[in-house]
PDB file of all heavy atoms in Angstrom:
ATOM      1  N   GLY A   1       0.793  -1.212   0.000  1.00  0.00           N
ATOM      2  CA  GLY A   1       0.000   0.000   0.000  1.00  0.00           C
ATOM      3  C   GLY A   1       0.834   1.275   0.000  1.00  0.00           C
ATOM      4  O   GLY A   1       0.333   2.347  -0.207  1.00  0.00           O
ATOM      5  N   GLU A   2       2.119   1.184   0.278  1.00  0.00           N
ATOM      6  CA  GLU A   2       2.968   2.370   0.325  1.00  0.00           C
ATOM      7  C   GLU A   2       4.155   2.214  -0.590  1.00  0.00           C
ATOM      8  O   GLU A   2       5.237   2.697  -0.294  1.00  0.00           O
ATOM      9  CB  GLU A   2       3.426   2.616   1.755  1.00  0.00           C
ATOM     10  CG  GLU A   2       2.303   3.030   2.636  1.00  0.00           C
ATOM     11  CD  GLU A   2       2.709   4.109   3.602  1.00  0.00           C
ATOM     12  OE1 GLU A   2       3.855   4.580   3.538  1.00  0.00           O
ATOM     13  OE2 GLU A   2       1.876   4.478   4.407  1.00  0.00           O
ATOM     14  N   GLY A   3       4.012   1.513  -1.654  1.00  0.00           N
ATOM     15  CA  GLY A   3       5.136   1.369  -2.570  1.00  0.00           C
ATOM     16  C   GLY A   3       5.527  -0.081  -2.722  1.00  0.00           C
ATOM     17  O   GLY A   3       4.790  -0.867  -3.275  1.00  0.00           O
ATOM     18  N   GLY A   4       6.687  -0.444  -2.181  1.00  0.00           N
ATOM     19  CA  GLY A   4       7.146  -1.813  -2.299  1.00  0.00           C
ATOM     20  C   GLY A   4       7.995  -2.032  -3.530  1.00  0.00           C
ATOM     21  O   GLY A   4       8.522  -3.111  -3.742  1.00  0.00           O
ATOM     22  N   ARG A   5       8.130  -0.993  -4.348  1.00  0.00           N
ATOM     23  CA  ARG A   5       8.911  -1.150  -5.568  1.00  0.00           C
ATOM     24  C   ARG A   5      10.415  -1.042  -5.328  1.00  0.00           C
ATOM     25  O   ARG A   5      11.203  -1.499  -6.136  1.00  0.00           O
ATOM     26  CB  ARG A   5       8.455  -0.131  -6.606  1.00  0.00           C
ATOM     27  CG  ARG A   5       7.072  -0.470  -7.148  1.00  0.00           C
ATOM     28  CD  ARG A   5       6.534   0.626  -8.043  1.00  0.00           C
ATOM     29  NE  ARG A   5       6.200   1.852  -7.329  1.00  0.00           N
ATOM     30  CZ  ARG A   5       5.092   2.032  -6.621  1.00  0.00           C
ATOM     31  NH1 ARG A   5       4.215   1.071  -6.524  1.00  0.00           N
ATOM     32  NH2 ARG A   5       4.851   3.172  -6.014  1.00  0.00           N
ATOM     33  N   GLY A   6      10.824  -0.449  -4.227  1.00  0.00           N
ATOM     34  CA  GLY A   6      12.244  -0.267  -3.948  1.00  0.00           C
ATOM     35  C   GLY A   6      13.017  -1.566  -3.921  1.00  0.00           C
ATOM     36  O   GLY A   6      14.045  -1.705  -4.587  1.00  0.00           O
ATOM     37  N   LEU A   7      12.523  -2.547  -3.183  1.00  0.00           N
ATOM     38  CA  LEU A   7      13.219  -3.834  -3.116  1.00  0.00           C
ATOM     39  C   LEU A   7      13.092  -4.609  -4.419  1.00  0.00           C
ATOM     40  O   LEU A   7      13.974  -5.402  -4.752  1.00  0.00           O
ATOM     41  CB  LEU A   7      12.727  -4.668  -1.937  1.00  0.00           C
ATOM     42  CG  LEU A   7      13.183  -4.167  -0.563  1.00  0.00           C
ATOM     43  CD1 LEU A   7      12.608  -5.034   0.545  1.00  0.00           C
ATOM     44  CD2 LEU A   7      14.698  -4.105  -0.472  1.00  0.00           C
ATOM     45  N   LEU A   8      12.022  -4.379  -5.168  1.00  0.00           N
ATOM     46  CA  LEU A   8      11.924  -5.004  -6.488  1.00  0.00           C
ATOM     47  C   LEU A   8      13.013  -4.464  -7.408  1.00  0.00           C
ATOM     48  O   LEU A   8      13.611  -5.210  -8.185  1.00  0.00           O
ATOM     49  CB  LEU A   8      10.540  -4.765  -7.102  1.00  0.00           C
ATOM     50  CG  LEU A   8       9.383  -5.516  -6.428  1.00  0.00           C
ATOM     51  CD1 LEU A   8       8.045  -5.049  -7.000  1.00  0.00           C
ATOM     52  CD2 LEU A   8       9.548  -7.003  -6.591  1.00  0.00           C
ATOM     53  N   LEU A   9      13.286  -3.155  -7.313  1.00  0.00           N
ATOM     54  CA  LEU A   9      14.386  -2.568  -8.089  1.00  0.00           C
ATOM     55  C   LEU A   9      15.731  -3.150  -7.661  1.00  0.00           C
ATOM     56  O   LEU A   9      16.565  -3.486  -8.495  1.00  0.00           O
ATOM     57  CB  LEU A   9      14.414  -1.052  -7.906  1.00  0.00           C
ATOM     58  CG  LEU A   9      13.394  -0.249  -8.688  1.00  0.00           C
ATOM     59  CD1 LEU A   9      13.408   1.207  -8.246  1.00  0.00           C
ATOM     60  CD2 LEU A   9      13.658  -0.347 -10.166  1.00  0.00           C
ATOM     61  N   VAL A  10      15.932  -3.258  -6.357  1.00  0.00           N
ATOM     62  CA  VAL A  10      17.186  -3.830  -5.838  1.00  0.00           C
ATOM     63  C   VAL A  10      17.360  -5.253  -6.365  1.00  0.00           C
ATOM     64  O   VAL A  10      18.421  -5.628  -6.864  1.00  0.00           O
ATOM     65  CB  VAL A  10      17.219  -3.798  -4.300  1.00  0.00           C
ATOM     66  CG1 VAL A  10      18.393  -4.604  -3.749  1.00  0.00           C
ATOM     67  CG2 VAL A  10      17.281  -2.355  -3.788  1.00  0.00           C
ATOM     68  N   ALA A  11      16.301  -6.052  -6.285  1.00  0.00           N
ATOM     69  CA  ALA A  11      16.371  -7.439  -6.750  1.00  0.00           C
ATOM     70  C   ALA A  11      16.639  -7.518  -8.251  1.00  0.00           C
ATOM     71  O   ALA A  11      17.357  -8.404  -8.715  1.00  0.00           O
ATOM     72  CB  ALA A  11      15.077  -8.181  -6.403  1.00  0.00           C
ATOM     73  N   ALA A  12      16.086  -6.575  -9.011  1.00  0.00           N
ATOM     74  CA  ALA A  12      16.269  -6.589 -10.460  1.00  0.00           C
ATOM     75  C   ALA A  12      17.672  -6.144 -10.865  1.00  0.00           C
ATOM     76  O   ALA A  12      18.237  -6.656 -11.837  1.00  0.00           O
ATOM     77  CB  ALA A  12      15.230  -5.689 -11.133  1.00  0.00           C
ATOM     78  N   LEU A  13      18.256  -5.212 -10.130  1.00  0.00           N
ATOM     79  CA  LEU A  13      19.558  -4.650 -10.507  1.00  0.00           C
ATOM     80  C   LEU A  13      20.749  -5.396  -9.919  1.00  0.00           C
ATOM     81  O   LEU A  13      21.783  -5.515 -10.567  1.00  0.00           O
ATOM     82  CB  LEU A  13      19.631  -3.177 -10.089  1.00  0.00           C
ATOM     83  CG  LEU A  13      18.700  -2.234 -10.834  1.00  0.00           C
ATOM     84  CD1 LEU A  13      18.714  -0.854 -10.192  1.00  0.00           C
ATOM     85  CD2 LEU A  13      19.083  -2.152 -12.302  1.00  0.00           C
ATOM     86  N   ALA A  14      20.616  -5.876  -8.697  1.00  0.00           N
ATOM     87  CA  ALA A  14      21.745  -6.522  -8.016  1.00  0.00           C
ATOM     88  C   ALA A  14      21.897  -7.974  -8.461  1.00  0.00           C
ATOM     89  O   ALA A  14      20.925  -8.619  -8.855  1.00  0.00           O
ATOM     90  CB  ALA A  14      21.548  -6.455  -6.504  1.00  0.00           C
ATOM     91  N   ASP A  15      23.120  -8.477  -8.393  1.00  0.00           N
ATOM     92  CA  ASP A  15      23.356  -9.902  -8.672  1.00  0.00           C
ATOM     93  C   ASP A  15      22.861 -10.760  -7.517  1.00  0.00           C
ATOM     94  O   ASP A  15      22.356 -11.860  -7.720  1.00  0.00           O
ATOM     95  CB  ASP A  15      24.848 -10.158  -8.904  1.00  0.00           C
ATOM     96  CG  ASP A  15      25.351  -9.454 -10.154  1.00  0.00           C
ATOM     97  OD1 ASP A  15      24.615  -9.424 -11.158  1.00  0.00           O
ATOM     98  OD2 ASP A  15      26.479  -8.927 -10.114  1.00  0.00           O
ATOM     99  N   ARG A  16      23.028 -10.241  -6.306  1.00  0.00           N
ATOM    100  CA  ARG A  16      22.584 -10.929  -5.088  1.00  0.00           C
ATOM    101  C   ARG A  16      22.181  -9.864  -4.084  1.00  0.00           C
ATOM    102  O   ARG A  16      22.753  -8.780  -4.065  1.00  0.00           O
ATOM    103  CB  ARG A  16      23.733 -11.748  -4.475  1.00  0.00           C
ATOM    104  CG  ARG A  16      24.182 -12.925  -5.301  1.00  0.00           C
ATOM    105  CD  ARG A  16      25.533 -13.469  -4.848  1.00  0.00           C
ATOM    106  NE  ARG A  16      26.636 -12.534  -5.038  1.00  0.00           N
ATOM    107  CZ  ARG A  16      27.191 -12.219  -6.203  1.00  0.00           C
ATOM    108  NH1 ARG A  16      26.722 -12.719  -7.323  1.00  0.00           N
ATOM    109  NH2 ARG A  16      28.206 -11.369  -6.274  1.00  0.00           N
ATOM    110  N   TRP A  17      21.239 -10.170  -3.226  1.00  0.00           N
ATOM    111  CA  TRP A  17      20.901  -9.269  -2.142  1.00  0.00           C
ATOM    112  C   TRP A  17      20.287 -10.078  -1.019  1.00  0.00           C
ATOM    113  O   TRP A  17      19.858 -11.215  -1.214  1.00  0.00           O
ATOM    114  CB  TRP A  17      19.967  -8.143  -2.605  1.00  0.00           C
ATOM    115  CG  TRP A  17      18.521  -8.540  -2.747  1.00  0.00           C
ATOM    116  CD1 TRP A  17      17.958  -9.189  -3.797  1.00  0.00           C
ATOM    117  CD2 TRP A  17      17.487  -8.348  -1.790  1.00  0.00           C
ATOM    118  NE1 TRP A  17      16.620  -9.397  -3.553  1.00  0.00           N
ATOM    119  CE2 TRP A  17      16.314  -8.887  -2.326  1.00  0.00           C
ATOM    120  CE3 TRP A  17      17.439  -7.758  -0.533  1.00  0.00           C
ATOM    121  CZ2 TRP A  17      15.090  -8.862  -1.646  1.00  0.00           C
ATOM    122  CZ3 TRP A  17      16.227  -7.730   0.145  1.00  0.00           C
ATOM    123  CH2 TRP A  17      15.071  -8.279  -0.418  1.00  0.00           C
ATOM    124  N   GLY A  18      20.256  -9.491   0.159  1.00  0.00           N
ATOM    125  CA  GLY A  18      19.661 -10.182   1.290  1.00  0.00           C
ATOM    126  C   GLY A  18      19.556  -9.269   2.494  1.00  0.00           C
ATOM    127  O   GLY A  18      19.936  -8.101   2.457  1.00  0.00           O
ATOM    128  N   CYS A  19      19.052  -9.847   3.559  1.00  0.00           N
ATOM    129  CA  CYS A  19      18.863  -9.116   4.801  1.00  0.00           C
ATOM    130  C   CYS A  19      19.187 -10.060   5.951  1.00  0.00           C
ATOM    131  O   CYS A  19      18.829 -11.238   5.904  1.00  0.00           O
ATOM    132  CB  CYS A  19      17.418  -8.635   4.890  1.00  0.00           C
ATOM    133  SG  CYS A  19      17.083  -7.669   6.367  1.00  0.00           S
ATOM    134  N   GLU A  20      19.881  -9.548   6.943  1.00  0.00           N
ATOM    135  CA  GLU A  20      20.234 -10.377   8.092  1.00  0.00           C
ATOM    136  C   GLU A  20      20.196  -9.538   9.358  1.00  0.00           C
ATOM    137  O   GLU A  20      20.388  -8.321   9.308  1.00  0.00           O
ATOM    138  CB  GLU A  20      21.605 -11.003   7.884  1.00  0.00           C
ATOM    139  CG  GLU A  20      22.670 -10.022   7.543  1.00  0.00           C
ATOM    140  CD  GLU A  20      23.833 -10.663   6.796  1.00  0.00           C
ATOM    141  OE1 GLU A  20      23.640 -11.610   6.027  1.00  0.00           O
ATOM    142  OE2 GLU A  20      24.947 -10.174   6.988  1.00  0.00           O
ATOM    143  N   PRO A  21      19.923 -10.178  10.495  1.00  0.00           N
ATOM    144  CA  PRO A  21      19.949  -9.436  11.755  1.00  0.00           C
ATOM    145  C   PRO A  21      21.339  -8.849  11.994  1.00  0.00           C
ATOM    146  O   PRO A  21      22.348  -9.450  11.634  1.00  0.00           O
ATOM    147  CB  PRO A  21      19.628 -10.503  12.804  1.00  0.00           C
ATOM    148  CG  PRO A  21      19.009 -11.627  12.056  1.00  0.00           C
ATOM    149  CD  PRO A  21      19.577 -11.584  10.670  1.00  0.00           C
ATOM    150  N   ARG A  22      21.375  -7.698  12.592  1.00  0.00           N
ATOM    151  CA  ARG A  22      22.639  -7.034  12.913  1.00  0.00           C
ATOM    152  C   ARG A  22      23.318  -7.796  14.049  1.00  0.00           C
ATOM    153  O   ARG A  22      22.719  -7.993  15.111  1.00  0.00           O
ATOM    154  CB  ARG A  22      22.332  -5.601  13.330  1.00  0.00           C
ATOM    155  CG  ARG A  22      23.515  -4.761  13.601  1.00  0.00           C
ATOM    156  CD  ARG A  22      23.068  -3.352  13.890  1.00  0.00           C
ATOM    157  NE  ARG A  22      24.146  -2.632  14.527  1.00  0.00           N
ATOM    158  CZ  ARG A  22      23.986  -1.483  15.123  1.00  0.00           C
ATOM    159  NH1 ARG A  22      22.789  -0.919  15.171  1.00  0.00           N
ATOM    160  NH2 ARG A  22      25.015  -0.880  15.666  1.00  0.00           N
ATOM    161  N   PRO A  23      24.573  -8.234  13.858  1.00  0.00           N
ATOM    162  CA  PRO A  23      25.224  -9.059  14.878  1.00  0.00           C
ATOM    163  C   PRO A  23      25.678  -8.284  16.109  1.00  0.00           C
ATOM    164  O   PRO A  23      25.816  -8.862  17.180  1.00  0.00           O
ATOM    165  CB  PRO A  23      26.433  -9.649  14.147  1.00  0.00           C
ATOM    166  CG  PRO A  23      26.733  -8.662  13.078  1.00  0.00           C
ATOM    167  CD  PRO A  23      25.404  -8.075  12.677  1.00  0.00           C
ATOM    168  N   ASP A  24      25.876  -6.964  15.975  1.00  0.00           N
ATOM    169  CA  ASP A  24      26.438  -6.188  17.082  1.00  0.00           C
ATOM    170  C   ASP A  24      25.428  -5.294  17.791  1.00  0.00           C
ATOM    171  O   ASP A  24      25.790  -4.331  18.435  1.00  0.00           O
ATOM    172  CB  ASP A  24      27.618  -5.351  16.577  1.00  0.00           C
ATOM    173  CG  ASP A  24      27.214  -4.395  15.459  1.00  0.00           C
ATOM    174  OD1 ASP A  24      26.116  -4.562  14.894  1.00  0.00           O
ATOM    175  OD2 ASP A  24      28.003  -3.488  15.148  1.00  0.00           O
ATOM    176  N   GLY A  25      24.161  -5.615  17.699  1.00  0.00           N
ATOM    177  CA  GLY A  25      23.154  -4.820  18.378  1.00  0.00           C
ATOM    178  C   GLY A  25      21.799  -4.988  17.727  1.00  0.00           C
ATOM    179  O   GLY A  25      21.633  -5.802  16.827  1.00  0.00           O
ATOM    180  N   PRO A  26      20.834  -4.184  18.176  1.00  0.00           N
ATOM    181  CA  PRO A  26      19.502  -4.299  17.571  1.00  0.00           C
ATOM    182  C   PRO A  26      19.519  -3.780  16.141  1.00  0.00           C
ATOM    183  O   PRO A  26      20.288  -2.887  15.803  1.00  0.00           O
ATOM    184  CB  PRO A  26      18.637  -3.399  18.461  1.00  0.00           C
ATOM    185  CG  PRO A  26      19.593  -2.398  19.021  1.00  0.00           C
ATOM    186  CD  PRO A  26      20.901  -3.131  19.183  1.00  0.00           C
ATOM    187  N   GLY A  27      18.693  -4.374  15.308  1.00  0.00           N
ATOM    188  CA  GLY A  27      18.566  -3.893  13.939  1.00  0.00           C
ATOM    189  C   GLY A  27      18.873  -4.952  12.905  1.00  0.00           C
ATOM    190  O   GLY A  27      18.945  -6.145  13.206  1.00  0.00           O
ATOM    191  N   LYS A  28      19.076  -4.476  11.683  1.00  0.00           N
ATOM    192  CA  LYS A  28      19.312  -5.389  10.566  1.00  0.00           C
ATOM    193  C   LYS A  28      20.233  -4.724   9.553  1.00  0.00           C
ATOM    194  O   LYS A  28      20.386  -3.506   9.538  1.00  0.00           O
ATOM    195  CB  LYS A  28      17.994  -5.758   9.893  1.00  0.00           C
ATOM    196  CG  LYS A  28      17.284  -4.576   9.261  1.00  0.00           C
ATOM    197  CD  LYS A  28      15.919  -4.956   8.767  1.00  0.00           C
ATOM    198  CE  LYS A  28      15.086  -3.763   8.374  1.00  0.00           C
ATOM    199  NZ  LYS A  28      14.809  -2.823   9.443  1.00  0.00           N
ATOM    200  N   THR A  29      20.841  -5.550   8.722  1.00  0.00           N
ATOM    201  CA  THR A  29      21.653  -5.082   7.615  1.00  0.00           C
ATOM    202  C   THR A  29      21.061  -5.626   6.329  1.00  0.00           C
ATOM    203  O   THR A  29      20.859  -6.831   6.205  1.00  0.00           O
ATOM    204  CB  THR A  29      23.117  -5.556   7.744  1.00  0.00           C
ATOM    205  OG1 THR A  29      23.673  -4.991   8.938  1.00  0.00           O
ATOM    206  CG2 THR A  29      23.949  -5.122   6.547  1.00  0.00           C
ATOM    207  N   VAL A  30      20.744  -4.729   5.413  1.00  0.00           N
ATOM    208  CA  VAL A  30      20.289  -5.120   4.080  1.00  0.00           C
ATOM    209  C   VAL A  30      21.476  -4.887   3.158  1.00  0.00           C
ATOM    210  O   VAL A  30      22.095  -3.823   3.186  1.00  0.00           O
ATOM    211  CB  VAL A  30      19.064  -4.299   3.626  1.00  0.00           C
ATOM    212  CG1 VAL A  30      18.571  -4.789   2.273  1.00  0.00           C
ATOM    213  CG2 VAL A  30      17.946  -4.389   4.659  1.00  0.00           C
ATOM    214  N   TRP A  31      21.816  -5.893   2.364  1.00  0.00           N
ATOM    215  CA  TRP A  31      23.001  -5.816   1.512  1.00  0.00           C
ATOM    216  C   TRP A  31      22.657  -6.197   0.076  1.00  0.00           C
ATOM    217  O   TRP A  31      21.672  -6.896  -0.160  1.00  0.00           O
ATOM    218  CB  TRP A  31      24.121  -6.714   2.046  1.00  0.00           C
ATOM    219  CG  TRP A  31      23.717  -8.157   2.159  1.00  0.00           C
ATOM    220  CD1 TRP A  31      23.170  -8.776   3.255  1.00  0.00           C
ATOM    221  CD2 TRP A  31      23.798  -9.155   1.139  1.00  0.00           C
ATOM    222  NE1 TRP A  31      22.898 -10.086   2.969  1.00  0.00           N
ATOM    223  CE2 TRP A  31      23.283 -10.361   1.683  1.00  0.00           C
ATOM    224  CE3 TRP A  31      24.254  -9.157  -0.169  1.00  0.00           C
ATOM    225  CZ2 TRP A  31      23.227 -11.545   0.949  1.00  0.00           C
ATOM    226  CZ3 TRP A  31      24.192 -10.337  -0.892  1.00  0.00           C
ATOM    227  CH2 TRP A  31      23.688 -11.512  -0.325  1.00  0.00           C
ATOM    228  N   ALA A  32      23.485  -5.702  -0.830  1.00  0.00           N
ATOM    229  CA  ALA A  32      23.346  -6.050  -2.246  1.00  0.00           C
ATOM    230  C   ALA A  32      24.740  -6.100  -2.850  1.00  0.00           C
ATOM    231  O   ALA A  32      25.625  -5.322  -2.474  1.00  0.00           O
ATOM    232  CB  ALA A  32      22.486  -5.011  -2.969  1.00  0.00           C
ATOM    233  N   GLU A  33      24.931  -7.026  -3.783  1.00  0.00           N
ATOM    234  CA  GLU A  33      26.203  -7.162  -4.478  1.00  0.00           C
ATOM    235  C   GLU A  33      25.971  -7.040  -5.982  1.00  0.00           C
ATOM    236  O   GLU A  33      24.960  -7.514  -6.503  1.00  0.00           O
ATOM    237  CB  GLU A  33      26.863  -8.500  -4.168  1.00  0.00           C
ATOM    238  CG  GLU A  33      27.313  -8.608  -2.733  1.00  0.00           C
ATOM    239  CD  GLU A  33      27.966  -9.931  -2.408  1.00  0.00           C
ATOM    240  OE1 GLU A  33      27.799 -10.905  -3.176  1.00  0.00           O
ATOM    241  OE2 GLU A  33      28.644  -9.993  -1.373  1.00  0.00           O
ATOM    242  N   TYR A  34      26.945  -6.432  -6.639  1.00  0.00           N
ATOM    243  CA  TYR A  34      26.864  -6.172  -8.074  1.00  0.00           C
ATOM    244  C   TYR A  34      28.245  -6.408  -8.660  1.00  0.00           C
ATOM    245  O   TYR A  34      29.241  -5.927  -8.121  1.00  0.00           O
ATOM    246  CB  TYR A  34      26.417  -4.724  -8.304  1.00  0.00           C
ATOM    247  CG  TYR A  34      26.145  -4.348  -9.734  1.00  0.00           C
ATOM    248  CD1 TYR A  34      24.865  -4.442 -10.249  1.00  0.00           C
ATOM    249  CD2 TYR A  34      27.162  -3.882 -10.557  1.00  0.00           C
ATOM    250  CE1 TYR A  34      24.602  -4.078 -11.569  1.00  0.00           C
ATOM    251  CE2 TYR A  34      26.910  -3.519 -11.871  1.00  0.00           C
ATOM    252  CZ  TYR A  34      25.620  -3.615 -12.368  1.00  0.00           C
ATOM    253  OH  TYR A  34      25.360  -3.258 -13.658  1.00  0.00           O
ATOM    254  N   THR A  35      28.323  -7.136  -9.762  1.00  0.00           N
ATOM    255  CA  THR A  35      29.595  -7.381 -10.436  1.00  0.00           C
ATOM    256  C   THR A  35      29.787  -6.318 -11.507  1.00  0.00           C
ATOM    257  O   THR A  35      28.917  -6.116 -12.356  1.00  0.00           O
ATOM    258  CB  THR A  35      29.617  -8.786 -11.070  1.00  0.00           C
ATOM    259  OG1 THR A  35      29.354  -9.747 -10.054  1.00  0.00           O
ATOM    260  CG2 THR A  35      30.970  -9.073 -11.689  1.00  0.00           C
ATOM    261  N   VAL A  36      30.940  -5.647 -11.471  1.00  0.00           N
ATOM    262  CA  VAL A  36      31.245  -4.573 -12.417  1.00  0.00           C
ATOM    263  C   VAL A  36      32.337  -5.020 -13.378  1.00  0.00           C
ATOM    264  O   VAL A  36      33.065  -5.976 -13.116  1.00  0.00           O
ATOM    265  CB  VAL A  36      31.681  -3.282 -11.689  1.00  0.00           C
ATOM    266  CG1 VAL A  36      30.564  -2.749 -10.830  1.00  0.00           C
ATOM    267  CG2 VAL A  36      32.923  -3.518 -10.857  1.00  0.00           C
ATOM    268  N   ASP A  37      32.459  -4.317 -14.492  1.00  0.00           N
ATOM    269  CA  ASP A  37      33.503  -4.639 -15.468  1.00  0.00           C
ATOM    270  C   ASP A  37      34.886  -4.297 -14.932  1.00  0.00           C
ATOM    271  O   ASP A  37      35.834  -5.039 -15.122  1.00  0.00           O
ATOM    272  CB  ASP A  37      33.272  -3.889 -16.781  1.00  0.00           C
ATOM    273  CG  ASP A  37      32.036  -4.397 -17.500  1.00  0.00           C
ATOM    274  OD1 ASP A  37      31.649  -5.564 -17.284  1.00  0.00           O
ATOM    275  OD2 ASP A  37      31.448  -3.623 -18.265  1.00  0.00           O
ATOM    276  N   THR A  38      35.003  -3.133 -14.283  1.00  0.00           N
ATOM    277  CA  THR A  38      36.306  -2.716 -13.776  1.00  0.00           C
ATOM    278  C   THR A  38      36.167  -2.062 -12.419  1.00  0.00           C
ATOM    279  O   THR A  38      35.207  -1.345 -12.156  1.00  0.00           O
ATOM    280  CB  THR A  38      36.979  -1.687 -14.714  1.00  0.00           C
ATOM    281  OG1 THR A  38      36.121  -0.557 -14.823  1.00  0.00           O
ATOM    282  CG2 THR A  38      37.261  -2.267 -16.079  1.00  0.00           C
ATOM    283  N   VAL A  39      37.138  -2.340 -11.579  1.00  0.00           N
ATOM    284  CA  VAL A  39      37.331  -1.652 -10.315  1.00  0.00           C
ATOM    285  C   VAL A  39      38.823  -1.427 -10.243  1.00  0.00           C
ATOM    286  O   VAL A  39      39.606  -2.338 -10.512  1.00  0.00           O
ATOM    287  CB  VAL A  39      36.862  -2.493  -9.102  1.00  0.00           C
ATOM    288  CG1 VAL A  39      37.192  -1.792  -7.790  1.00  0.00           C
ATOM    289  CG2 VAL A  39      35.373  -2.783  -9.171  1.00  0.00           C
ATOM    290  N   ALA A  40      39.244  -0.221  -9.909  1.00  0.00           N
ATOM    291  CA  ALA A  40      40.676   0.074  -9.850  1.00  0.00           C
ATOM    292  C   ALA A  40      41.369  -0.913  -8.916  1.00  0.00           C
ATOM    293  O   ALA A  40      40.939  -1.133  -7.800  1.00  0.00           O
ATOM    294  CB  ALA A  40      40.900   1.505  -9.382  1.00  0.00           C
ATOM    295  N   ARG A  41      42.442  -1.526  -9.412  1.00  0.00           N
ATOM    296  CA  ARG A  41      43.151  -2.545  -8.642  1.00  0.00           C
ATOM    297  C   ARG A  41      44.142  -1.949  -7.659  1.00  0.00           C
ATOM    298  O   ARG A  41      44.515  -2.576  -6.693  1.00  0.00           O
ATOM    299  CB  ARG A  41      43.868  -3.500  -9.579  1.00  0.00           C
ATOM    300  CG  ARG A  41      42.922  -4.285 -10.466  1.00  0.00           C
ATOM    301  CD  ARG A  41      43.657  -5.272 -11.321  1.00  0.00           C
ATOM    302  NE  ARG A  41      44.332  -6.295 -10.558  1.00  0.00           N
ATOM    303  CZ  ARG A  41      43.790  -7.414 -10.079  1.00  0.00           C
ATOM    304  NH1 ARG A  41      42.517  -7.630 -10.273  1.00  0.00           N
ATOM    305  NH2 ARG A  41      44.489  -8.285  -9.413  1.00  0.00           N
ATOM    306  N   TYR A  42      44.614  -0.757  -7.919  1.00  0.00           N
ATOM    307  CA  TYR A  42      45.651  -0.174  -7.079  1.00  0.00           C
ATOM    308  C   TYR A  42      45.242   1.229  -6.690  1.00  0.00           C
ATOM    309  O   TYR A  42      44.390   1.831  -7.322  1.00  0.00           O
ATOM    310  CB  TYR A  42      47.005  -0.141  -7.823  1.00  0.00           C
ATOM    311  CG  TYR A  42      47.355  -1.481  -8.397  1.00  0.00           C
ATOM    312  CD1 TYR A  42      47.252  -1.734  -9.763  1.00  0.00           C
ATOM    313  CD2 TYR A  42      47.755  -2.517  -7.568  1.00  0.00           C
ATOM    314  CE1 TYR A  42      47.540  -2.960 -10.286  1.00  0.00           C
ATOM    315  CE2 TYR A  42      48.055  -3.760  -8.085  1.00  0.00           C
ATOM    316  CZ  TYR A  42      47.958  -3.980  -9.450  1.00  0.00           C
ATOM    317  OH  TYR A  42      48.239  -5.199  -9.958  1.00  0.00           O
TER     318      TYR A  42
END
């Protein structure tokens, strides 16, 4: 009822994504990974 498209975009764009409880306190961490053509090596 208030959107919900944000995570659909994340799922469509990212190679992998997920959510897990925060290990060092209350809360959660939402993460996404994306493979790129180049990242500076040095």
